[in-house]
Amino acid sequence: MRILGVDPGYGLVGIGVIETFGNRISHVFHGVIETPKNAPRGKRLKQIYEEFSNILDEFSPSECAMEKLFFVKNVTTAIGVGEARGVILLALEEREIPVFEYAPNEVKISLTGYGRASKKQIQENIKRFLNLENLPQPDDAADALAIAWCHALQSRMRRVTHEKD
């Protein structure tokens, strides 16, 4: 199964793609969609939609795991992230790709066993778990890989639980 992890954002959208084979999880791709700060809102959202659609077409994920929105102090940032998340969800819905959402602490627990782990701890574990040569950069791409990893583990647990029923 191919899993797309997404760390939604307005300036940067983190992307991470992993593949599962039985109990093995391997790295496929990670990167970001970056929009220019001075571009009009509509152009930035269109860019996110188009680049994200291209990623979906290139990697053909079976499922998507995305970070849940959480409260932020800056309302303007929250609105931009919400709008970006909307175009991402639209592209996923157009391709009928199921979306699963995880809170940041759920992702951290799945990678470190600790819900308040640092970004550095997350990056180190993703590097080790996926046998990467370097820490995944930028942080948004590392977060997206972490979200995909969390979903892979959660999916495995759901399958095992259902097999026992």
N, C-alpha and C. Protein backbone atom coordinates (compact mmCIF):
# COMPACT_ATOMS: atom_id res chain seq x y z
N MET A 1 0.86 -1.18 0.00
CA MET A 1 0.00 0.00 0.00
C MET A 1 0.90 1.23 0.00
N ARG A 2 0.54 2.20 -0.80
CA ARG A 2 1.28 3.46 -0.86
C ARG A 2 0.51 4.51 -0.06
N ILE A 3 1.21 5.15 0.88
CA ILE A 3 0.60 6.14 1.78
C ILE A 3 1.25 7.50 1.53
N LEU A 4 0.38 8.49 1.35
CA LEU A 4 0.82 9.88 1.20
C LEU A 4 0.59 10.58 2.52
N GLY A 5 1.64 11.14 3.10
CA GLY A 5 1.52 11.96 4.30
C GLY A 5 1.54 13.42 3.90
N VAL A 6 0.68 14.22 4.52
CA VAL A 6 0.58 15.64 4.18
C VAL A 6 0.61 16.47 5.45
N ASP A 7 1.52 17.44 5.48
CA ASP A 7 1.55 18.45 6.53
C ASP A 7 1.05 19.73 5.87
N PRO A 8 -0.27 20.01 6.03
CA PRO A 8 -0.84 21.13 5.28
C PRO A 8 -0.32 22.47 5.74
N GLY A 9 -0.14 23.36 4.79
CA GLY A 9 0.31 24.70 5.07
C GLY A 9 -0.02 25.60 3.90
N TYR A 10 0.18 26.88 4.08
CA TYR A 10 -0.12 27.86 3.04
C TYR A 10 1.15 28.26 2.30
N GLY A 11 2.21 28.48 3.04
CA GLY A 11 3.51 28.80 2.44
C GLY A 11 4.26 27.56 2.04
N LEU A 12 4.18 26.52 2.87
CA LEU A 12 4.82 25.23 2.60
C LEU A 12 3.85 24.10 2.90
N VAL A 13 3.71 23.17 1.97
CA VAL A 13 2.94 21.95 2.20
C VAL A 13 3.95 20.82 2.22
N GLY A 14 4.04 20.14 3.35
CA GLY A 14 4.96 19.00 3.45
C GLY A 14 4.34 17.77 2.80
N ILE A 15 5.16 17.05 2.04
CA ILE A 15 4.72 15.85 1.34
C ILE A 15 5.68 14.71 1.70
N GLY A 16 5.12 13.55 2.05
CA GLY A 16 5.92 12.36 2.29
C GLY A 16 5.19 11.15 1.75
N VAL A 17 5.88 10.33 0.99
CA VAL A 17 5.27 9.13 0.42
C VAL A 17 6.06 7.91 0.89
N ILE A 18 5.35 6.95 1.45
CA ILE A 18 5.97 5.69 1.88
C ILE A 18 5.17 4.53 1.29
N GLU A 19 5.78 3.37 1.33
CA GLU A 19 5.10 2.18 0.82
C GLU A 19 5.24 1.07 1.86
N THR A 20 4.17 0.33 2.05
CA THR A 20 4.21 -0.78 2.99
C THR A 20 4.11 -2.10 2.22
N PHE A 21 4.92 -3.06 2.64
CA PHE A 21 4.91 -4.42 2.11
C PHE A 21 4.91 -5.34 3.32
N GLY A 22 3.75 -5.88 3.69
CA GLY A 22 3.68 -6.69 4.91
C GLY A 22 4.08 -5.84 6.10
N ASN A 23 5.14 -6.24 6.79
CA ASN A 23 5.62 -5.49 7.95
C ASN A 23 6.72 -4.49 7.59
N ARG A 24 7.09 -4.41 6.33
CA ARG A 24 8.16 -3.51 5.91
C ARG A 24 7.58 -2.18 5.42
N ILE A 25 8.23 -1.11 5.79
CA ILE A 25 7.83 0.23 5.35
C ILE A 25 9.05 0.87 4.69
N SER A 26 8.86 1.39 3.47
CA SER A 26 10.00 2.00 2.78
C SER A 26 9.66 3.40 2.29
N HIS A 27 10.70 4.20 2.17
CA HIS A 27 10.61 5.57 1.71
C HIS A 27 10.47 5.59 0.19
N VAL A 28 9.57 6.43 -0.31
CA VAL A 28 9.40 6.62 -1.75
C VAL A 28 9.83 8.03 -2.14
N PHE A 29 9.33 9.04 -1.41
CA PHE A 29 9.58 10.43 -1.79
C PHE A 29 9.26 11.34 -0.61
N HIS A 30 9.96 12.46 -0.53
CA HIS A 30 9.54 13.55 0.36
C HIS A 30 9.97 14.88 -0.23
N GLY A 31 9.21 15.92 0.09
CA GLY A 31 9.50 17.25 -0.39
C GLY A 31 8.43 18.22 0.06
N VAL A 32 8.41 19.39 -0.55
CA VAL A 32 7.42 20.41 -0.19
C VAL A 32 6.88 21.09 -1.44
N ILE A 33 5.70 21.62 -1.28
CA ILE A 33 5.14 22.57 -2.26
C ILE A 33 5.31 23.93 -1.59
N GLU A 34 6.02 24.82 -2.25
CA GLU A 34 6.27 26.15 -1.67
C GLU A 34 5.63 27.22 -2.54
N THR A 35 4.86 28.09 -1.90
CA THR A 35 4.22 29.18 -2.63
C THR A 35 4.93 30.50 -2.31
N PRO A 36 5.02 31.40 -3.28
CA PRO A 36 5.69 32.69 -3.03
C PRO A 36 4.88 33.57 -2.08
N LYS A 37 5.57 34.14 -1.11
CA LYS A 37 4.90 34.95 -0.09
C LYS A 37 4.17 36.16 -0.66
N ASN A 38 4.68 36.71 -1.74
CA ASN A 38 4.07 37.95 -2.28
C ASN A 38 2.99 37.69 -3.33
N ALA A 39 2.71 36.43 -3.65
CA ALA A 39 1.69 36.13 -4.66
C ALA A 39 0.29 36.29 -4.05
N PRO A 40 -0.70 36.65 -4.87
CA PRO A 40 -2.08 36.76 -4.37
C PRO A 40 -2.58 35.40 -3.85
N ARG A 41 -3.47 35.46 -2.89
CA ARG A 41 -4.00 34.25 -2.24
C ARG A 41 -4.52 33.22 -3.26
N GLY A 42 -5.32 33.67 -4.22
CA GLY A 42 -5.89 32.75 -5.21
C GLY A 42 -4.82 32.03 -6.02
N LYS A 43 -3.77 32.74 -6.40
CA LYS A 43 -2.68 32.12 -7.17
C LYS A 43 -1.95 31.09 -6.32
N ARG A 44 -1.75 31.40 -5.04
CA ARG A 44 -1.07 30.45 -4.15
C ARG A 44 -1.89 29.17 -3.99
N LEU A 45 -3.20 29.33 -3.82
CA LEU A 45 -4.07 28.16 -3.67
C LEU A 45 -4.11 27.34 -4.95
N LYS A 46 -4.14 28.02 -6.09
CA LYS A 46 -4.13 27.32 -7.38
C LYS A 46 -2.83 26.54 -7.54
N GLN A 47 -1.71 27.14 -7.16
CA GLN A 47 -0.42 26.46 -7.25
C GLN A 47 -0.41 25.20 -6.37
N ILE A 48 -0.92 25.33 -5.13
CA ILE A 48 -0.98 24.17 -4.24
C ILE A 48 -1.82 23.07 -4.87
N TYR A 49 -3.00 23.45 -5.37
CA TYR A 49 -3.89 22.47 -5.99
C TYR A 49 -3.23 21.77 -7.17
N GLU A 50 -2.62 22.54 -8.06
CA GLU A 50 -2.02 21.95 -9.26
C GLU A 50 -0.82 21.07 -8.93
N GLU A 51 0.09 21.55 -8.07
CA GLU A 51 1.26 20.76 -7.73
C GLU A 51 0.87 19.52 -6.93
N PHE A 52 -0.10 19.66 -6.04
CA PHE A 52 -0.55 18.51 -5.25
C PHE A 52 -1.22 17.48 -6.17
N SER A 53 -2.02 17.95 -7.12
CA SER A 53 -2.65 17.05 -8.10
C SER A 53 -1.59 16.28 -8.89
N ASN A 54 -0.52 16.97 -9.29
CA ASN A 54 0.57 16.31 -10.01
C ASN A 54 1.23 15.23 -9.15
N ILE A 55 1.40 15.51 -7.86
CA ILE A 55 1.98 14.52 -6.94
C ILE A 55 1.07 13.31 -6.84
N LEU A 56 -0.23 13.55 -6.73
CA LEU A 56 -1.18 12.43 -6.67
C LEU A 56 -1.11 11.58 -7.94
N ASP A 57 -1.02 12.23 -9.08
CA ASP A 57 -0.96 11.51 -10.35
C ASP A 57 0.36 10.74 -10.49
N GLU A 58 1.45 11.33 -10.02
CA GLU A 58 2.75 10.68 -10.14
C GLU A 58 2.91 9.48 -9.20
N PHE A 59 2.45 9.62 -7.95
CA PHE A 59 2.72 8.58 -6.96
C PHE A 59 1.54 7.65 -6.69
N SER A 60 0.36 7.99 -7.15
CA SER A 60 -0.85 7.15 -7.02
C SER A 60 -1.00 6.52 -5.63
N PRO A 61 -1.13 7.35 -4.59
CA PRO A 61 -1.28 6.77 -3.25
C PRO A 61 -2.62 6.05 -3.08
N SER A 62 -2.61 5.02 -2.21
CA SER A 62 -3.84 4.30 -1.87
C SER A 62 -4.64 5.06 -0.83
N GLU A 63 -3.90 5.72 0.07
CA GLU A 63 -4.52 6.45 1.18
C GLU A 63 -3.69 7.68 1.48
N CYS A 64 -4.33 8.64 2.16
CA CYS A 64 -3.65 9.86 2.56
C CYS A 64 -3.82 10.05 4.06
N ALA A 65 -2.73 10.39 4.72
CA ALA A 65 -2.76 10.72 6.14
C ALA A 65 -2.39 12.20 6.26
N MET A 66 -3.18 12.92 7.03
CA MET A 66 -2.99 14.36 7.14
C MET A 66 -3.04 14.78 8.60
N GLU A 67 -2.25 15.80 8.92
CA GLU A 67 -2.30 16.33 10.28
C GLU A 67 -3.61 17.06 10.49
N LYS A 68 -4.24 16.81 11.64
CA LYS A 68 -5.47 17.52 12.00
C LYS A 68 -5.14 18.98 12.25
N LEU A 69 -6.10 19.83 11.93
CA LEU A 69 -5.94 21.25 12.27
C LEU A 69 -6.02 21.40 13.78
N PHE A 70 -5.23 22.29 14.30
CA PHE A 70 -5.29 22.58 15.73
C PHE A 70 -5.29 24.08 15.92
N PHE A 71 -5.62 24.53 17.11
CA PHE A 71 -5.72 25.95 17.40
C PHE A 71 -4.36 26.63 17.23
N VAL A 72 -4.36 27.75 16.55
CA VAL A 72 -3.15 28.56 16.43
C VAL A 72 -3.47 29.98 16.87
N LYS A 73 -2.45 30.69 17.31
CA LYS A 73 -2.65 32.05 17.82
C LYS A 73 -2.93 33.05 16.69
N ASN A 74 -2.32 32.84 15.53
CA ASN A 74 -2.46 33.78 14.42
C ASN A 74 -3.63 33.35 13.54
N VAL A 75 -4.72 34.09 13.60
CA VAL A 75 -5.94 33.76 12.86
C VAL A 75 -5.69 33.81 11.35
N THR A 76 -4.90 34.78 10.88
CA THR A 76 -4.61 34.89 9.45
C THR A 76 -3.91 33.63 8.95
N THR A 77 -2.96 33.14 9.72
CA THR A 77 -2.26 31.90 9.35
C THR A 77 -3.24 30.74 9.34
N ALA A 78 -4.10 30.66 10.32
CA ALA A 78 -5.07 29.56 10.40
C ALA A 78 -6.00 29.57 9.20
N ILE A 79 -6.42 30.73 8.75
CA ILE A 79 -7.31 30.82 7.59
C ILE A 79 -6.58 30.33 6.34
N GLY A 80 -5.35 30.77 6.14
CA GLY A 80 -4.57 30.33 4.98
C GLY A 80 -4.35 28.83 4.98
N VAL A 81 -4.02 28.27 6.13
CA VAL A 81 -3.81 26.82 6.24
C VAL A 81 -5.12 26.09 5.95
N GLY A 82 -6.23 26.61 6.46
CA GLY A 82 -7.53 26.00 6.22
C GLY A 82 -7.90 26.01 4.74
N GLU A 83 -7.59 27.12 4.07
CA GLU A 83 -7.88 27.20 2.64
C GLU A 83 -7.00 26.23 1.85
N ALA A 84 -5.73 26.16 2.21
CA ALA A 84 -4.82 25.22 1.54
C ALA A 84 -5.28 23.79 1.76
N ARG A 85 -5.69 23.51 2.97
CA ARG A 85 -6.20 22.18 3.31
C ARG A 85 -7.43 21.85 2.46
N GLY A 86 -8.25 22.85 2.21
CA GLY A 86 -9.45 22.66 1.39
C GLY A 86 -9.12 22.24 -0.03
N VAL A 87 -8.14 22.90 -0.67
CA VAL A 87 -7.80 22.51 -2.05
C VAL A 87 -7.12 21.14 -2.08
N ILE A 88 -6.39 20.82 -1.02
CA ILE A 88 -5.77 19.49 -0.92
C ILE A 88 -6.85 18.42 -0.80
N LEU A 89 -7.83 18.66 0.06
CA LEU A 89 -8.93 17.70 0.22
C LEU A 89 -9.74 17.56 -1.07
N LEU A 90 -9.91 18.64 -1.79
CA LEU A 90 -10.63 18.58 -3.08
C LEU A 90 -9.89 17.66 -4.05
N ALA A 91 -8.58 17.84 -4.18
CA ALA A 91 -7.79 17.00 -5.10
C ALA A 91 -7.87 15.53 -4.69
N LEU A 92 -7.85 15.26 -3.40
CA LEU A 92 -7.96 13.87 -2.92
C LEU A 92 -9.34 13.30 -3.21
N GLU A 93 -10.37 14.09 -2.99
CA GLU A 93 -11.74 13.64 -3.22
C GLU A 93 -11.98 13.37 -4.70
N GLU A 94 -11.42 14.20 -5.56
CA GLU A 94 -11.58 13.99 -7.00
C GLU A 94 -11.05 12.62 -7.43
N ARG A 95 -10.03 12.13 -6.72
CA ARG A 95 -9.43 10.84 -7.05
C ARG A 95 -9.91 9.71 -6.13
N GLU A 96 -10.87 10.05 -5.26
CA GLU A 96 -11.46 9.08 -4.32
C GLU A 96 -10.41 8.40 -3.45
N ILE A 97 -9.45 9.20 -2.99
CA ILE A 97 -8.41 8.70 -2.09
C ILE A 97 -8.86 8.96 -0.66
N PRO A 98 -9.00 7.90 0.15
CA PRO A 98 -9.44 8.10 1.53
C PRO A 98 -8.42 8.89 2.35
N VAL A 99 -8.95 9.73 3.24
CA VAL A 99 -8.11 10.59 4.08
C VAL A 99 -8.29 10.20 5.54
N PHE A 100 -7.17 10.08 6.24
CA PHE A 100 -7.17 9.77 7.67
C PHE A 100 -6.42 10.90 8.37
N GLU A 101 -6.96 11.36 9.50
CA GLU A 101 -6.36 12.50 10.18
C GLU A 101 -5.80 12.09 11.54
N TYR A 102 -4.67 12.70 11.88
CA TYR A 102 -3.99 12.40 13.14
C TYR A 102 -3.56 13.70 13.82
N ALA A 103 -3.74 13.74 15.12
CA ALA A 103 -3.30 14.89 15.91
C ALA A 103 -1.77 14.83 16.03
N PRO A 104 -1.12 15.99 16.18
CA PRO A 104 0.34 16.01 16.29
C PRO A 104 0.87 15.08 17.39
N ASN A 105 0.19 15.03 18.54
CA ASN A 105 0.70 14.17 19.61
C ASN A 105 0.57 12.68 19.26
N GLU A 106 -0.44 12.30 18.46
CA GLU A 106 -0.57 10.91 18.00
C GLU A 106 0.62 10.53 17.13
N VAL A 107 1.01 11.45 16.26
CA VAL A 107 2.15 11.20 15.37
C VAL A 107 3.42 11.06 16.19
N LYS A 108 3.62 11.95 17.15
CA LYS A 108 4.82 11.90 17.98
C LYS A 108 4.88 10.60 18.78
N ILE A 109 3.75 10.18 19.32
CA ILE A 109 3.72 8.93 20.10
C ILE A 109 4.08 7.74 19.21
N SER A 110 3.58 7.72 17.98
CA SER A 110 3.85 6.59 17.09
C SER A 110 5.32 6.49 16.73
N LEU A 111 6.04 7.60 16.75
CA LEU A 111 7.46 7.60 16.38
C LEU A 111 8.41 7.53 17.55
N THR A 112 7.98 8.05 18.70
CA THR A 112 8.91 8.14 19.83
C THR A 112 8.36 7.53 21.12
N GLY A 113 7.05 7.30 21.16
CA GLY A 113 6.44 6.83 22.41
C GLY A 113 6.15 7.98 23.36
N TYR A 114 6.42 9.21 22.92
CA TYR A 114 6.25 10.39 23.77
C TYR A 114 5.52 11.48 22.98
N GLY A 115 4.39 11.94 23.49
CA GLY A 115 3.55 12.90 22.79
C GLY A 115 4.07 14.32 22.73
N ARG A 116 5.18 14.59 23.41
CA ARG A 116 5.75 15.95 23.37
C ARG A 116 7.17 15.93 22.82
N ALA A 117 7.45 14.97 21.96
CA ALA A 117 8.78 14.84 21.37
C ALA A 117 9.12 16.08 20.54
N SER A 118 10.41 16.36 20.42
CA SER A 118 10.86 17.51 19.64
C SER A 118 10.89 17.16 18.15
N LYS A 119 10.93 18.21 17.32
CA LYS A 119 11.06 18.01 15.88
C LYS A 119 12.32 17.21 15.56
N LYS A 120 13.39 17.51 16.25
CA LYS A 120 14.67 16.82 16.03
C LYS A 120 14.52 15.32 16.33
N GLN A 121 13.82 14.95 17.41
CA GLN A 121 13.61 13.54 17.73
C GLN A 121 12.80 12.86 16.63
N ILE A 122 11.79 13.55 16.13
CA ILE A 122 10.95 13.00 15.05
C ILE A 122 11.82 12.77 13.81
N GLN A 123 12.60 13.77 13.43
CA GLN A 123 13.46 13.65 12.25
C GLN A 123 14.46 12.50 12.40
N GLU A 124 15.07 12.39 13.56
CA GLU A 124 16.05 11.32 13.80
C GLU A 124 15.40 9.95 13.65
N ASN A 125 14.21 9.79 14.23
CA ASN A 125 13.54 8.49 14.15
C ASN A 125 13.09 8.18 12.73
N ILE A 126 12.56 9.16 12.02
CA ILE A 126 12.15 8.94 10.62
C ILE A 126 13.37 8.53 9.80
N LYS A 127 14.48 9.22 10.00
CA LYS A 127 15.72 8.88 9.28
C LYS A 127 16.09 7.41 9.55
N ARG A 128 16.06 7.02 10.80
CA ARG A 128 16.44 5.66 11.19
C ARG A 128 15.43 4.63 10.68
N PHE A 129 14.14 4.89 10.90
CA PHE A 129 13.10 3.92 10.52
C PHE A 129 13.03 3.70 9.02
N LEU A 130 13.26 4.76 8.24
CA LEU A 130 13.17 4.64 6.78
C LEU A 130 14.53 4.45 6.11
N ASN A 131 15.58 4.27 6.92
CA ASN A 131 16.94 4.04 6.41
C ASN A 131 17.39 5.14 5.45
N LEU A 132 17.14 6.39 5.84
CA LEU A 132 17.56 7.53 5.02
C LEU A 132 19.00 7.90 5.37
N GLU A 133 19.74 8.40 4.39
CA GLU A 133 21.12 8.82 4.64
C GLU A 133 21.19 10.07 5.50
N ASN A 134 20.26 11.00 5.27
CA ASN A 134 20.26 12.29 5.98
C ASN A 134 18.91 12.52 6.64
N LEU A 135 18.88 13.49 7.55
CA LEU A 135 17.61 13.89 8.13
C LEU A 135 16.74 14.46 7.02
N PRO A 136 15.47 14.07 6.98
CA PRO A 136 14.59 14.63 5.95
C PRO A 136 14.39 16.13 6.19
N GLN A 137 14.57 16.90 5.13
CA GLN A 137 14.44 18.35 5.20
C GLN A 137 13.52 18.83 4.09
N PRO A 138 12.86 19.95 4.23
CA PRO A 138 12.72 20.74 5.45
C PRO A 138 11.81 20.05 6.46
N ASP A 139 11.60 20.72 7.59
CA ASP A 139 10.79 20.15 8.67
C ASP A 139 9.41 19.70 8.20
N ASP A 140 8.81 20.46 7.28
CA ASP A 140 7.47 20.12 6.80
C ASP A 140 7.45 18.77 6.09
N ALA A 141 8.50 18.46 5.34
CA ALA A 141 8.60 17.16 4.66
C ALA A 141 8.81 16.05 5.68
N ALA A 142 9.64 16.31 6.70
CA ALA A 142 9.85 15.32 7.76
C ALA A 142 8.54 15.06 8.50
N ASP A 143 7.78 16.11 8.76
CA ASP A 143 6.48 15.96 9.43
C ASP A 143 5.54 15.12 8.57
N ALA A 144 5.54 15.34 7.26
CA ALA A 144 4.67 14.58 6.37
C ALA A 144 5.05 13.09 6.38
N LEU A 145 6.34 12.79 6.37
CA LEU A 145 6.78 11.38 6.47
C LEU A 145 6.34 10.78 7.80
N ALA A 146 6.45 11.58 8.87
CA ALA A 146 6.04 11.10 10.19
C ALA A 146 4.54 10.79 10.23
N ILE A 147 3.74 11.63 9.59
CA ILE A 147 2.28 11.41 9.54
C ILE A 147 1.98 10.14 8.76
N ALA A 148 2.68 9.94 7.64
CA ALA A 148 2.50 8.72 6.86
C ALA A 148 2.90 7.49 7.67
N TRP A 149 4.01 7.58 8.40
CA TRP A 149 4.48 6.48 9.26
C TRP A 149 3.43 6.15 10.32
N CYS A 150 2.90 7.17 10.96
CA CYS A 150 1.86 6.99 11.97
C CYS A 150 0.67 6.23 11.37
N HIS A 151 0.26 6.63 10.18
CA HIS A 151 -0.88 5.98 9.54
C HIS A 151 -0.56 4.52 9.20
N ALA A 152 0.64 4.26 8.74
CA ALA A 152 1.03 2.87 8.44
C ALA A 152 0.90 2.00 9.68
N LEU A 153 1.35 2.50 10.82
CA LEU A 153 1.26 1.74 12.08
C LEU A 153 -0.20 1.58 12.51
N GLN A 154 -0.97 2.66 12.41
CA GLN A 154 -2.39 2.59 12.80
C GLN A 154 -3.16 1.62 11.91
N SER A 155 -2.87 1.64 10.61
CA SER A 155 -3.53 0.73 9.66
C SER A 155 -3.20 -0.71 9.99
N ARG A 156 -1.94 -0.96 10.30
CA ARG A 156 -1.52 -2.31 10.67
C ARG A 156 -2.26 -2.78 11.93
N MET A 157 -2.38 -1.89 12.91
CA MET A 157 -3.08 -2.26 14.15
C MET A 157 -4.56 -2.53 13.88
N ARG A 158 -5.20 -1.72 13.01
CA ARG A 158 -6.60 -1.96 12.66
C ARG A 158 -6.78 -3.31 11.98
N ARG A 159 -5.86 -3.66 11.06
CA ARG A 159 -5.96 -4.95 10.37
C ARG A 159 -5.81 -6.11 11.34
N VAL A 160 -4.84 -6.01 12.25
CA VAL A 160 -4.61 -7.08 13.23
C VAL A 160 -5.81 -7.22 14.14
N THR A 161 -6.38 -6.10 14.58
CA THR A 161 -7.54 -6.13 15.45
C THR A 161 -8.75 -6.77 14.76
N HIS A 162 -8.96 -6.41 13.48
CA HIS A 162 -10.09 -6.97 12.73
C HIS A 162 -9.90 -8.46 12.44
N GLU A 163 -8.64 -8.89 12.25
CA GLU A 163 -8.38 -10.31 12.01
C GLU A 163 -8.72 -11.15 13.23
N LYS A 164 -8.58 -10.56 14.43
CA LYS A 164 -8.85 -11.29 15.67
C LYS A 164 -10.34 -11.40 15.96
N ASP A 165 -11.13 -10.48 15.37
CA ASP A 165 -12.58 -10.47 15.63
C ASP A 165 -13.28 -11.66 15.04
